[in-house]
Amino acid sequence: MKKLFIASGLLALMAAATSCDKYDIYDEQYGDVMLIKDGGDVTMDVYSTDDYADRYISVLKGGHSPERTSTATLRVMTEQDFRDYKDQNYGDPEFGGLQMVDPSLFDLLDSNGNISQSIDYTFKGSDDRYFGANLRVKSHDYAEWYRAKSESETSSANFVIPIGLYSETDSVNEYNNVLIVSLNDLDPEVICDVADGTYDIQDLSRRVLIRDAGKGLVYEPEVYMSIPCKNPWGFAVRIDDTKAGLVNTFNGDSKNTIVLTALRNDDDNKRWELTDSRLIAKKNGGDEKEYPVVNFPAGVTKTRIPLKIYLDAIDPDENLDKNLVVPIKIANPTSNNSYPAIVWDSENTPDEDVIRNFIKPSQFYVGVRVIEAPLDLDDSCVTSNDCEPTEGSIAGLFDDDLSTFFHSGWTVAFERSAPYGSYLEITLPEEVNAVYFNITARNSNPCSPKEIHLYYSNNIDDEGSWTYFQKATNSKKLTAGQSFEIGKINKMFQAPETFKYMRFCVIQNDKGESLLSSSTSVYWNLAELKLYGKIQ
């Protein structure tokens, strides 16, 4: 057999050969070479409830002469192959720490689905650069075999499926010519994408709550339960709300966490409910009871928890910056004298010992946090009378990227005059009558606004319609990348009426220099500008 030693960097290039038209990555003497893509030692999860599990195997051909015909055999190692492998890697062909899985527990399938322990393939030309095979493990049978072996033997051997790539006539890469598959014997478990004891909190704009109040605004969290195996049976998992008890702190401050109660006796004011799917079941020796479930119909492995939070019942001012959480509980499957934690759609269920581990009791918190979100601005709704043409842009103010920025003119003396100075003219996405700001200084050579005059208008085509309504002051000289809030949610800059257009007029920079006259030596810049607005 002709063998080949190749540096790891070249191996990576050859692995990409299936999407590359260049083959001249080897010395002239190597026209073609074959390997197992992603070979070596790998682990494969197999679940005791599945009939089988698959792993795809890809064999690649590279080299600078792809037109050459090359022949290779991908096969499960024979006993002698396996002895040779252990001798080469462990210095002992009888090494007992590595043993082969019983060959009756897996198959090698070719690209047509034919079962074989050995697949012969001939690469026939430039467009023929890889072939595939499938390793199919009989999961349930393997679990029974492995567990029986573990109980009867004290050996700590690692059982593997060894597969090799061989050729009697052509080049096979010596470092990527084997696939040693270790099997992870697992029982499936229903899991939630919110970990036990933790939170899934989504931010919700306070403006949305105010704007859509009374419209039946409902929030349905994207929280899912899933199983990692196939689901041939169909079943339902019982969930419920739970008494809050001592709620874990969120963001280190329990005062910011409010547990929402369902208020079941007052449907007009209920804050949340588990909906859609409900079952009737008998308590052991007791009465029937209705309870919510998460349904997994046969074939479904992921499904959303049917939770609805009714936002009409949330006060956007009182609950601002609070985490409003619903405590959810997954039932204990082993609890006696309780309603069942899991209900099967058919009698075809996993073994009893698997069912005991199928779900684990847990509690987690799902909800919303009401925040004062900034208005959505970009360079399509903001203009300026004073934008430097050689660096910076209006878009840089609204992209959440501190490496970009806005800079007023310093190579060009744009027309600045009283009363507006150097300004941004903003078309607001919605009408407001009160605003405040958060500014972030540029990362290098910051020169932030200090004194800002605010003007509003409802007729952008009438220059005489601009009305002054407040002065905003940046009282802090910002260092590079530093942020500062000008105004607050409870101390906003208010106009006498609602408006659609606003001018953010920089009158003085943080050096104390005036921007009420044209100059190339006086300027201002910012990395980010966030504008908050509401009607109050």
Protein backbone atom coordinates (compact mmCIF):
# COMPACT_ATOMS: atom_id res chain seq x y z
CA MET A 1 0.00 0.00 0.00
CA LYS A 2 1.34 3.40 -0.93
CA LYS A 3 1.25 5.72 2.12
CA LEU A 4 1.47 9.48 2.33
CA PHE A 5 2.44 11.92 5.11
CA ILE A 6 0.93 15.40 4.81
CA ALA A 7 1.13 18.43 7.13
CA SER A 8 -2.06 19.34 8.97
CA GLY A 9 -2.46 22.62 7.08
CA LEU A 10 -2.57 20.76 3.78
CA LEU A 11 -5.07 18.31 5.21
CA ALA A 12 -7.43 21.18 5.91
CA LEU A 13 -7.10 22.35 2.34
CA MET A 14 -7.81 18.89 0.99
CA ALA A 15 -10.88 18.56 3.19
CA ALA A 16 -12.25 21.59 1.39
CA ALA A 17 -11.62 20.01 -2.00
CA THR A 18 -15.27 19.24 -2.58
CA SER A 19 -15.96 22.95 -3.00
CA CYS A 20 -12.70 23.95 -4.68
CA ASP A 21 -11.57 23.68 -8.30
CA LYS A 22 -7.84 23.66 -7.48
CA TYR A 23 -5.99 20.41 -6.87
CA ASP A 24 -2.31 21.46 -6.96
CA ILE A 25 -1.88 21.54 -3.15
CA TYR A 26 0.56 18.60 -3.09
CA ASP A 27 4.01 18.00 -4.45
CA GLU A 28 4.26 16.87 -8.08
CA GLN A 29 4.68 13.23 -7.05
CA TYR A 30 1.23 13.18 -5.41
CA GLY A 31 -1.41 13.27 -8.08
CA ASP A 32 -4.20 11.88 -5.93
CA VAL A 33 -4.79 10.98 -2.30
CA MET A 34 -7.85 9.76 -0.33
CA LEU A 35 -8.98 10.23 3.27
CA ILE A 36 -11.95 10.01 5.66
CA LYS A 37 -13.30 13.50 6.27
CA ASP A 38 -13.53 14.28 10.01
CA GLY A 39 -11.93 10.96 10.86
CA GLY A 40 -10.14 9.89 14.03
CA ASP A 41 -11.77 9.35 17.42
CA VAL A 42 -15.40 10.48 17.52
CA THR A 43 -18.38 10.01 19.84
CA MET A 44 -21.89 9.17 18.71
CA ASP A 45 -24.99 9.52 20.90
CA VAL A 46 -27.42 6.60 20.80
CA TYR A 47 -30.71 6.63 22.70
CA SER A 48 -32.15 3.50 24.24
CA THR A 49 -35.66 4.26 22.96
CA ASP A 50 -34.64 4.61 19.28
CA ASP A 51 -34.56 1.71 16.84
CA TYR A 52 -31.42 3.05 15.22
CA ALA A 53 -29.06 6.05 14.96
CA ASP A 54 -27.07 7.16 11.90
CA ARG A 55 -23.73 8.83 11.30
CA TYR A 56 -22.72 9.94 7.81
CA ILE A 57 -19.19 9.13 6.65
CA SER A 58 -17.58 11.02 3.77
CA VAL A 59 -14.48 9.87 1.87
CA LEU A 60 -12.65 12.59 -0.10
CA LYS A 61 -10.13 12.52 -2.91
CA GLY A 62 -7.67 15.36 -3.50
CA GLY A 63 -4.42 15.98 -5.38
CA HIS A 64 -3.27 17.93 -8.41
CA SER A 65 -4.31 15.23 -10.90
CA PRO A 66 -8.00 14.54 -10.22
CA GLU A 67 -8.43 12.85 -13.57
CA ARG A 68 -6.60 9.77 -12.32
CA THR A 69 -8.64 6.70 -11.47
CA SER A 70 -8.31 5.70 -7.80
CA THR A 71 -9.82 2.79 -5.92
CA ALA A 72 -10.54 2.59 -2.19
CA THR A 73 -12.35 0.33 0.24
CA LEU A 74 -14.21 1.66 3.28
CA ARG A 75 -14.88 -1.16 5.71
CA VAL A 76 -15.50 -2.15 9.26
CA MET A 77 -12.14 -3.35 10.52
CA THR A 78 -11.56 -7.07 10.50
CA GLU A 79 -10.14 -8.66 13.63
CA GLN A 80 -6.69 -8.45 12.07
CA ASP A 81 -7.22 -4.78 11.05
CA PHE A 82 -8.20 -4.02 14.63
CA ARG A 83 -5.17 -5.87 16.03
CA ASP A 84 -2.91 -3.88 13.69
CA TYR A 85 -4.58 -0.62 14.76
CA LYS A 86 -4.09 -1.37 18.47
CA ASP A 87 -0.51 -2.44 17.87
CA GLN A 88 0.25 0.81 16.02
CA ASN A 89 -1.51 3.10 18.54
CA TYR A 90 -1.10 1.27 21.87
CA GLY A 91 1.97 -0.90 21.22
CA ASP A 92 -0.02 -4.05 21.96
CA PRO A 93 -2.22 -5.92 19.45
CA GLU A 94 -4.03 -7.57 22.39
CA PHE A 95 -4.71 -4.30 24.23
CA GLY A 96 -7.87 -4.98 26.27
CA GLY A 97 -8.81 -1.38 26.99
CA LEU A 98 -10.28 -1.05 23.50
CA GLN A 99 -12.79 -3.62 22.29
CA MET A 100 -15.08 -3.90 19.28
CA VAL A 101 -18.85 -3.55 19.54
CA ASP A 102 -20.65 -6.74 18.52
CA PRO A 103 -20.90 -6.47 14.68
CA SER A 104 -24.54 -7.61 14.77
CA LEU A 105 -25.43 -4.29 16.46
CA PHE A 106 -24.52 -2.01 13.54
CA ASP A 107 -24.37 -1.89 9.74
CA LEU A 108 -22.48 0.03 7.11
CA LEU A 109 -24.76 1.26 4.33
CA ASP A 110 -23.64 2.42 0.90
CA SER A 111 -25.14 5.42 -0.92
CA ASN A 112 -28.00 3.22 -2.19
CA GLY A 113 -28.89 2.01 1.30
CA ASN A 114 -27.46 -1.47 0.78
CA ILE A 115 -26.13 -3.10 3.93
CA SER A 116 -22.51 -4.16 3.89
CA GLN A 117 -19.48 -4.39 6.13
CA SER A 118 -17.28 -3.24 3.24
CA ILE A 119 -17.81 -0.70 0.45
CA ASP A 120 -15.58 -0.62 -2.65
CA TYR A 121 -15.47 2.59 -4.66
CA THR A 122 -13.61 3.80 -7.73
CA PHE A 123 -13.01 7.53 -8.29
CA LYS A 124 -13.37 7.84 -12.06
CA GLY A 125 -12.29 11.37 -12.93
CA SER A 126 -12.05 15.09 -12.24
CA ASP A 127 -15.69 15.48 -11.20
CA ASP A 128 -15.67 12.42 -8.96
CA ARG A 129 -14.12 13.55 -5.71
CA TYR A 130 -16.03 11.98 -2.83
CA PHE A 131 -18.37 9.20 -1.86
CA GLY A 132 -20.50 8.66 1.21
CA ALA A 133 -21.61 5.85 3.49
CA ASN A 134 -23.81 5.61 6.54
CA LEU A 135 -23.02 3.96 9.85
CA ARG A 136 -26.30 2.71 11.32
CA VAL A 137 -26.33 1.63 14.96
CA LYS A 138 -29.21 -0.45 16.32
CA SER A 139 -29.67 1.83 19.31
CA HIS A 140 -32.16 -0.13 21.44
CA ASP A 141 -30.36 -3.43 20.89
CA TYR A 142 -27.01 -1.80 21.64
CA ALA A 143 -28.34 -0.33 24.92
CA GLU A 144 -29.50 -3.77 26.07
CA TRP A 145 -26.21 -5.39 25.02
CA TYR A 146 -24.01 -2.71 26.57
CA ARG A 147 -25.89 -2.57 29.86
CA ALA A 148 -25.88 -6.33 30.22
CA LYS A 149 -22.15 -6.34 29.53
CA SER A 150 -21.55 -3.55 32.05
CA GLU A 151 -23.40 -5.51 34.74
CA SER A 152 -21.65 -8.79 34.04
CA GLU A 153 -18.10 -7.55 33.53
CA THR A 154 -15.83 -5.46 35.68
CA SER A 155 -13.72 -4.47 32.69
CA SER A 156 -13.37 -0.75 31.99
CA ALA A 157 -12.85 -1.34 28.27
CA ASN A 158 -14.05 1.24 25.79
CA PHE A 159 -16.28 -0.39 23.17
CA VAL A 160 -15.92 1.12 19.70
CA ILE A 161 -16.89 0.64 16.08
CA PRO A 162 -13.61 0.77 14.10
CA ILE A 163 -13.82 1.73 10.42
CA GLY A 164 -10.86 2.05 8.06
CA LEU A 165 -10.09 3.29 4.55
CA TYR A 166 -7.82 1.01 2.50
CA SER A 167 -6.36 0.79 -0.99
CA GLU A 168 -3.98 -1.75 -2.48
CA THR A 169 -3.13 0.44 -5.47
CA ASP A 170 -3.51 4.12 -4.56
CA SER A 171 -2.60 6.71 -1.94
CA VAL A 172 -4.46 6.85 1.38
CA ASN A 173 -3.60 9.50 3.93
CA GLU A 174 -2.04 7.71 6.89
CA TYR A 175 -3.33 10.22 9.44
CA ASN A 176 -6.95 10.32 8.26
CA ASN A 177 -7.65 6.75 7.23
CA VAL A 178 -9.58 5.52 10.29
CA LEU A 179 -12.80 6.40 12.11
CA ILE A 180 -13.05 5.07 15.66
CA VAL A 181 -16.62 5.55 16.89
CA SER A 182 -17.39 5.43 20.62
CA LEU A 183 -21.08 5.08 21.46
CA ASN A 184 -22.71 7.18 24.15
CA ASP A 185 -25.49 5.02 25.64
CA LEU A 186 -28.23 7.40 26.78
CA ASP A 187 -31.79 7.39 28.05
CA PRO A 188 -33.76 10.31 26.58
CA GLU A 189 -34.88 13.19 28.75
CA VAL A 190 -37.43 15.91 28.10
CA ILE A 191 -35.69 19.25 28.57
CA CYS A 192 -36.71 22.90 28.48
CA ASP A 193 -34.57 25.58 26.87
CA VAL A 194 -34.80 27.51 30.13
CA ALA A 195 -32.57 25.79 32.69
CA ASP A 196 -33.89 24.75 36.08
CA GLY A 197 -34.06 27.72 38.44
CA THR A 198 -33.23 30.31 35.79
CA TYR A 199 -35.09 32.92 33.73
CA ASP A 200 -36.17 33.62 30.18
CA ILE A 201 -36.86 37.36 30.12
CA GLN A 202 -37.64 39.26 26.92
CA ASP A 203 -37.39 43.04 26.76
CA LEU A 204 -40.59 44.84 25.83
CA SER A 205 -40.78 48.50 24.86
CA ARG A 206 -42.81 50.64 27.22
CA ARG A 207 -44.00 52.62 24.19
CA VAL A 208 -45.58 49.49 22.71
CA LEU A 209 -47.62 48.98 25.88
CA ILE A 210 -48.80 52.58 25.89
CA ARG A 211 -49.51 52.70 22.16
CA ASP A 212 -51.39 49.37 22.07
CA ALA A 213 -53.11 49.58 25.46
CA GLY A 214 -56.63 48.17 25.27
CA LYS A 215 -55.94 46.23 22.07
CA GLY A 216 -55.68 42.89 23.82
CA LEU A 217 -51.90 42.83 23.52
CA VAL A 218 -50.69 39.31 24.30
CA TYR A 219 -47.10 38.09 24.67
CA GLU A 220 -46.42 34.42 23.96
CA PRO A 221 -42.86 33.56 25.03
CA GLU A 222 -40.81 31.46 22.64
CA VAL A 223 -39.97 28.86 25.27
CA TYR A 224 -39.71 25.27 24.07
CA MET A 225 -39.48 21.77 25.44
CA SER A 226 -37.72 19.08 23.42
CA ILE A 227 -36.45 15.53 23.41
CA PRO A 228 -33.18 14.52 21.72
CA CYS A 229 -34.47 11.17 20.40
CA LYS A 230 -37.14 10.05 17.96
CA ASN A 231 -40.73 10.08 19.22
CA PRO A 232 -42.73 7.12 17.89
CA TRP A 233 -45.25 7.13 20.74
CA GLY A 234 -46.84 10.56 21.29
CA PHE A 235 -47.17 11.89 24.83
CA ALA A 236 -47.90 14.95 26.95
CA VAL A 237 -45.94 16.44 29.86
CA ARG A 238 -47.84 18.09 32.69
CA ILE A 239 -46.83 21.61 33.58
CA ASP A 240 -48.32 24.10 36.00
CA ASP A 241 -47.77 27.41 37.67
CA THR A 242 -46.26 27.13 41.11
CA LYS A 243 -46.26 29.20 44.26
CA ALA A 244 -43.56 31.75 43.99
CA GLY A 245 -41.86 31.04 47.30
CA LEU A 246 -38.47 32.65 47.40
CA VAL A 247 -37.86 33.73 43.84
CA ASN A 248 -34.23 33.61 42.82
CA THR A 249 -32.76 37.03 42.27
CA PHE A 250 -32.41 38.28 38.73
CA ASN A 251 -29.50 40.51 37.77
CA GLY A 252 -28.54 40.42 41.45
CA ASP A 253 -31.56 42.46 42.58
CA SER A 254 -34.67 40.63 43.80
CA LYS A 255 -36.47 43.98 44.16
CA ASN A 256 -36.60 44.14 40.37
CA THR A 257 -38.47 40.84 40.09
CA ILE A 258 -42.27 40.68 40.35
CA VAL A 259 -44.03 37.32 40.24
CA LEU A 260 -47.20 37.54 38.16
CA THR A 261 -50.23 35.80 39.58
CA ALA A 262 -52.80 34.27 37.27
CA LEU A 263 -55.80 35.89 39.08
CA ARG A 264 -57.95 32.97 37.94
CA ASN A 265 -61.06 34.27 39.70
CA ASP A 266 -61.08 37.44 37.64
CA ASP A 267 -60.79 36.58 33.95
CA ASP A 268 -61.03 40.25 32.94
CA ASN A 269 -57.80 41.04 34.76
CA LYS A 270 -55.83 37.83 34.49
CA ARG A 271 -52.19 38.49 33.77
CA TRP A 272 -51.30 35.12 32.22
CA GLU A 273 -52.49 31.59 31.62
CA LEU A 274 -51.33 28.23 30.30
CA THR A 275 -53.61 27.60 27.34
CA ASP A 276 -54.42 25.44 24.36
CA SER A 277 -53.73 21.98 25.70
CA ARG A 278 -55.45 20.47 28.71
CA LEU A 279 -56.01 16.91 29.88
CA ILE A 280 -58.30 15.21 32.32
CA ALA A 281 -56.60 12.68 34.55
CA LYS A 282 -57.34 10.89 37.75
CA LYS A 283 -55.24 11.35 40.80
CA ASN A 284 -54.17 8.03 42.26
CA GLY A 285 -57.23 6.97 44.25
CA GLY A 286 -58.82 10.39 43.83
CA ASP A 287 -60.90 12.62 41.63
CA GLU A 288 -60.40 13.80 38.09
CA LYS A 289 -58.61 17.07 37.51
CA GLU A 290 -57.93 19.31 34.54
CA TYR A 291 -54.39 20.52 34.08
CA PRO A 292 -52.24 22.10 31.33
CA VAL A 293 -49.80 20.05 29.32
CA VAL A 294 -47.14 20.39 26.65
CA ASN A 295 -48.12 18.04 23.84
CA PHE A 296 -45.62 15.95 21.87
CA PRO A 297 -47.63 14.20 19.11
CA ALA A 298 -45.94 11.17 17.56
CA GLY A 299 -42.97 12.30 15.47
CA VAL A 300 -42.71 15.72 17.17
CA THR A 301 -39.53 16.35 19.15
CA LYS A 302 -39.86 20.07 19.94
CA THR A 303 -42.90 22.08 21.00
CA ARG A 304 -43.69 25.47 22.57
CA ILE A 305 -45.00 25.81 26.10
CA PRO A 306 -48.56 27.22 25.68
CA LEU A 307 -48.09 30.29 27.86
CA LYS A 308 -49.80 33.63 27.24
CA ILE A 309 -49.03 36.80 29.20
CA TYR A 310 -51.74 39.47 28.99
CA LEU A 311 -49.97 42.81 28.77
CA ASP A 312 -53.08 44.96 29.19
CA ALA A 313 -52.87 44.20 32.90
CA ILE A 314 -49.30 45.55 33.16
CA ASP A 315 -48.75 49.17 34.12
CA PRO A 316 -45.88 50.39 31.90
CA ASP A 317 -44.91 53.18 34.31
CA GLU A 318 -45.27 51.33 37.58
CA ASN A 319 -43.51 48.25 36.24
CA LEU A 320 -40.75 49.99 34.27
CA ASP A 321 -37.46 48.06 34.40
CA LYS A 322 -39.06 45.28 36.42
CA ASN A 323 -38.80 41.58 35.57
CA LEU A 324 -42.39 40.34 35.43
CA VAL A 325 -42.11 36.57 35.70
CA VAL A 326 -44.39 33.55 35.63
CA PRO A 327 -43.07 30.61 37.65
CA ILE A 328 -43.51 27.37 35.68
CA LYS A 329 -43.14 23.89 37.13
CA ILE A 330 -42.55 20.56 35.40
CA ALA A 331 -44.10 17.86 37.53
CA ASN A 332 -42.23 15.16 39.45
CA PRO A 333 -42.67 11.88 37.57
CA THR A 334 -42.04 9.69 40.63
CA SER A 335 -44.31 11.46 43.09
CA ASN A 336 -46.90 9.18 44.69
CA ASN A 337 -50.58 10.13 45.06
CA SER A 338 -50.31 12.88 42.47
CA TYR A 339 -51.66 13.47 39.02
CA PRO A 340 -49.44 11.88 36.37
CA ALA A 341 -46.50 13.89 35.13
CA ILE A 342 -46.59 12.26 31.72
CA VAL A 343 -49.45 10.79 29.70
CA TRP A 344 -48.84 8.49 26.72
CA ASP A 345 -50.96 8.52 23.58
CA SER A 346 -50.62 4.78 23.09
CA GLU A 347 -49.59 1.63 24.91
CA ASN A 348 -46.38 1.57 22.87
CA THR A 349 -44.18 3.31 25.45
CA PRO A 350 -40.54 3.07 26.50
CA ASP A 351 -39.44 0.60 29.13
CA GLU A 352 -40.42 1.40 32.70
CA ASP A 353 -36.83 2.10 33.78
CA VAL A 354 -36.51 4.66 30.95
CA ILE A 355 -39.82 6.35 31.82
CA ARG A 356 -38.57 7.02 35.34
CA ASN A 357 -35.80 9.17 33.88
CA PHE A 358 -37.81 10.62 31.00
CA ILE A 359 -38.55 13.90 32.71
CA LYS A 360 -37.04 15.54 35.75
CA PRO A 361 -38.90 17.96 38.01
CA SER A 362 -37.82 21.54 37.54
CA GLN A 363 -38.97 25.11 38.00
CA PHE A 364 -38.08 28.11 35.88
CA TYR A 365 -39.30 31.64 35.26
CA VAL A 366 -40.63 33.08 32.01
CA GLY A 367 -41.67 36.66 31.43
CA VAL A 368 -41.00 40.17 30.23
CA ARG A 369 -39.10 43.25 31.32
CA VAL A 370 -40.65 46.58 30.43
CA ILE A 371 -37.93 48.92 29.21
CA GLU A 372 -37.86 52.43 27.82
CA ALA A 373 -36.62 51.58 24.33
CA PRO A 374 -35.16 54.34 22.14
CA LEU A 375 -36.95 55.50 19.04
CA ASP A 376 -35.86 53.72 15.86
CA LEU A 377 -33.64 56.14 13.98
CA ASP A 378 -31.19 55.83 11.09
CA ASP A 379 -29.74 58.00 8.34
CA SER A 380 -32.96 57.71 6.31
CA CYS A 381 -34.82 59.94 8.77
CA VAL A 382 -31.99 62.16 10.06
CA THR A 383 -30.16 64.91 8.19
CA SER A 384 -27.64 67.57 9.22
CA ASN A 385 -26.51 71.02 8.12
CA ASP A 386 -22.98 70.22 9.26
CA CYS A 387 -21.74 66.70 8.35
CA GLU A 388 -18.01 66.28 7.70
CA PRO A 389 -17.50 64.74 4.21
CA THR A 390 -14.14 63.03 4.87
CA GLU A 391 -14.94 60.99 8.00
CA GLY A 392 -17.90 59.88 10.03
CA SER A 393 -21.55 59.73 9.01
CA ILE A 394 -25.05 60.17 10.37
CA ALA A 395 -25.53 56.38 10.16
CA GLY A 396 -22.68 55.96 12.66
CA LEU A 397 -24.85 57.51 15.37
CA PHE A 398 -27.42 54.72 15.30
CA ASP A 399 -25.57 51.46 14.58
CA ASP A 400 -24.50 50.42 18.13
CA ASP A 401 -20.90 50.37 16.94
CA LEU A 402 -18.45 52.55 18.87
CA SER A 403 -15.90 52.36 16.07
CA THR A 404 -18.19 54.45 13.83
CA PHE A 405 -19.23 58.02 14.59
CA PHE A 406 -20.71 61.32 13.43
CA HIS A 407 -18.39 64.30 13.00
CA SER A 408 -19.40 67.87 12.24
CA GLY A 409 -17.52 69.80 9.56
CA TRP A 410 -13.81 70.50 10.07
CA THR A 411 -12.47 70.41 6.47
CA VAL A 412 -15.45 72.47 5.28
CA ALA A 413 -16.88 75.54 7.05
CA PHE A 414 -20.56 74.77 6.63
CA GLU A 415 -23.08 77.53 7.22
CA ARG A 416 -23.88 77.69 10.93
CA SER A 417 -25.86 80.54 12.34
CA ALA A 418 -28.03 81.48 15.29
CA PRO A 419 -30.29 80.19 16.59
CA TYR A 420 -29.73 76.61 15.32
CA GLY A 421 -25.94 76.30 15.15
CA SER A 422 -24.83 72.78 14.14
CA TYR A 423 -27.87 70.54 14.12
CA LEU A 424 -29.40 67.17 13.37
CA GLU A 425 -32.89 67.34 11.87
CA ILE A 426 -34.93 64.28 12.87
CA THR A 427 -38.14 62.93 11.40
CA LEU A 428 -39.60 60.94 14.30
CA PRO A 429 -41.15 57.50 13.68
CA GLU A 430 -44.09 58.53 15.89
CA GLU A 431 -45.42 61.72 17.40
CA VAL A 432 -44.21 62.61 20.92
CA ASN A 433 -44.22 65.65 23.17
CA ALA A 434 -41.35 64.75 25.52
CA VAL A 435 -37.83 63.44 24.93
CA TYR A 436 -34.55 62.62 26.59
CA PHE A 437 -31.22 61.30 25.29
CA ASN A 438 -28.30 58.98 25.86
CA ILE A 439 -25.06 59.95 24.17
CA THR A 440 -21.79 58.02 23.82
CA ALA A 441 -18.47 59.73 23.14
CA ARG A 442 -16.29 58.80 20.21
CA ASN A 443 -13.58 56.17 20.86
CA SER A 444 -10.76 58.53 19.92
CA ASN A 445 -10.45 62.32 20.01
CA PRO A 446 -13.89 62.79 21.59
CA CYS A 447 -15.49 66.20 21.49
CA SER A 448 -19.09 65.79 22.65
CA PRO A 449 -21.92 68.32 22.68
CA LYS A 450 -22.32 70.28 25.92
CA GLU A 451 -25.21 72.68 25.31
CA ILE A 452 -28.07 71.50 23.11
CA HIS A 453 -31.17 73.50 22.15
CA LEU A 454 -34.29 71.57 21.17
CA TYR A 455 -36.76 72.77 18.52
CA TYR A 456 -39.87 71.07 17.19
CA SER A 457 -42.12 71.42 14.16
CA ASN A 458 -45.10 69.74 12.54
CA ASN A 459 -44.44 71.22 9.11
CA ILE A 460 -40.95 70.44 7.91
CA ASP A 461 -41.50 72.43 4.70
CA ASP A 462 -42.03 75.67 6.66
CA GLU A 463 -38.72 76.93 8.01
CA GLY A 464 -40.56 79.43 10.16
CA SER A 465 -42.48 76.70 11.98
CA TRP A 466 -39.56 75.61 14.19
CA THR A 467 -40.32 76.31 17.84
CA TYR A 468 -37.78 76.27 20.65
CA PHE A 469 -38.92 74.26 23.68
CA GLN A 470 -35.99 73.22 25.93
CA LYS A 471 -32.27 73.45 26.58
CA ALA A 472 -30.50 70.14 27.28
CA THR A 473 -27.09 70.16 28.96
CA ASN A 474 -24.40 67.51 29.02
CA SER A 475 -22.93 68.22 32.44
CA LYS A 476 -20.10 65.70 32.14
CA LYS A 477 -16.97 65.88 29.99
CA LEU A 478 -17.01 62.42 28.47
CA THR A 479 -13.90 60.32 27.96
CA ALA A 480 -13.48 57.99 24.97
CA GLY A 481 -16.38 55.56 24.67
CA GLN A 482 -18.16 56.89 27.77
CA SER A 483 -21.97 57.29 27.85
CA PHE A 484 -24.14 59.86 29.57
CA GLU A 485 -27.90 60.25 29.96
CA ILE A 486 -29.25 63.75 29.28
CA GLY A 487 -32.63 63.81 30.96
CA LYS A 488 -34.49 60.84 32.46
CA ILE A 489 -37.72 58.94 32.07
CA ASN A 490 -39.18 60.93 34.97
CA LYS A 491 -37.47 64.19 33.94
CA MET A 492 -37.97 64.56 30.22
CA PHE A 493 -37.70 67.65 28.02
CA GLN A 494 -41.33 68.48 27.28
CA ALA A 495 -42.89 70.55 24.50
CA PRO A 496 -46.30 72.26 24.75
CA GLU A 497 -47.76 69.99 22.05
CA THR A 498 -47.00 66.76 20.20
CA PHE A 499 -44.64 66.99 17.27
CA LYS A 500 -43.31 64.93 14.36
CA TYR A 501 -40.02 66.75 13.63
CA MET A 502 -37.21 67.85 15.92
CA ARG A 503 -33.91 69.69 15.64
CA PHE A 504 -31.09 68.61 17.95
CA CYS A 505 -29.05 71.85 17.86
CA VAL A 506 -25.50 71.77 19.23
CA ILE A 507 -24.74 75.25 20.49
CA GLN A 508 -21.55 74.54 22.41
CA ASN A 509 -19.10 71.60 22.56
CA ASP A 510 -17.47 70.24 25.72
CA LYS A 511 -14.45 72.52 25.15
CA GLY A 512 -16.76 75.47 25.71
CA GLU A 513 -16.52 76.54 22.05
CA SER A 514 -19.54 78.04 20.26
CA LEU A 515 -21.03 76.43 17.14
CA LEU A 516 -23.20 79.43 16.26
CA SER A 517 -20.82 80.55 13.49
CA SER A 518 -19.02 78.86 10.60
CA SER A 519 -15.57 77.50 11.47
CA THR A 520 -13.25 74.60 10.60
CA SER A 521 -11.56 74.68 13.98
CA VAL A 522 -14.71 74.27 16.10
CA TYR A 523 -16.62 70.97 15.83
CA TRP A 524 -18.32 68.16 17.75
CA ASN A 525 -18.60 64.39 17.39
CA LEU A 526 -20.42 61.42 18.90
CA ALA A 527 -20.26 57.63 18.54
CA GLU A 528 -23.89 56.97 19.47
CA LEU A 529 -27.09 58.92 20.03
CA LYS A 530 -30.21 57.31 21.49
CA LEU A 531 -33.41 59.35 21.55
CA TYR A 532 -36.25 58.37 23.88
CA GLY A 533 -39.66 59.89 23.43
CA LYS A 534 -43.24 59.61 24.61
CA ILE A 535 -46.46 61.54 25.04
CA GLN A 536 -46.93 62.64 28.61
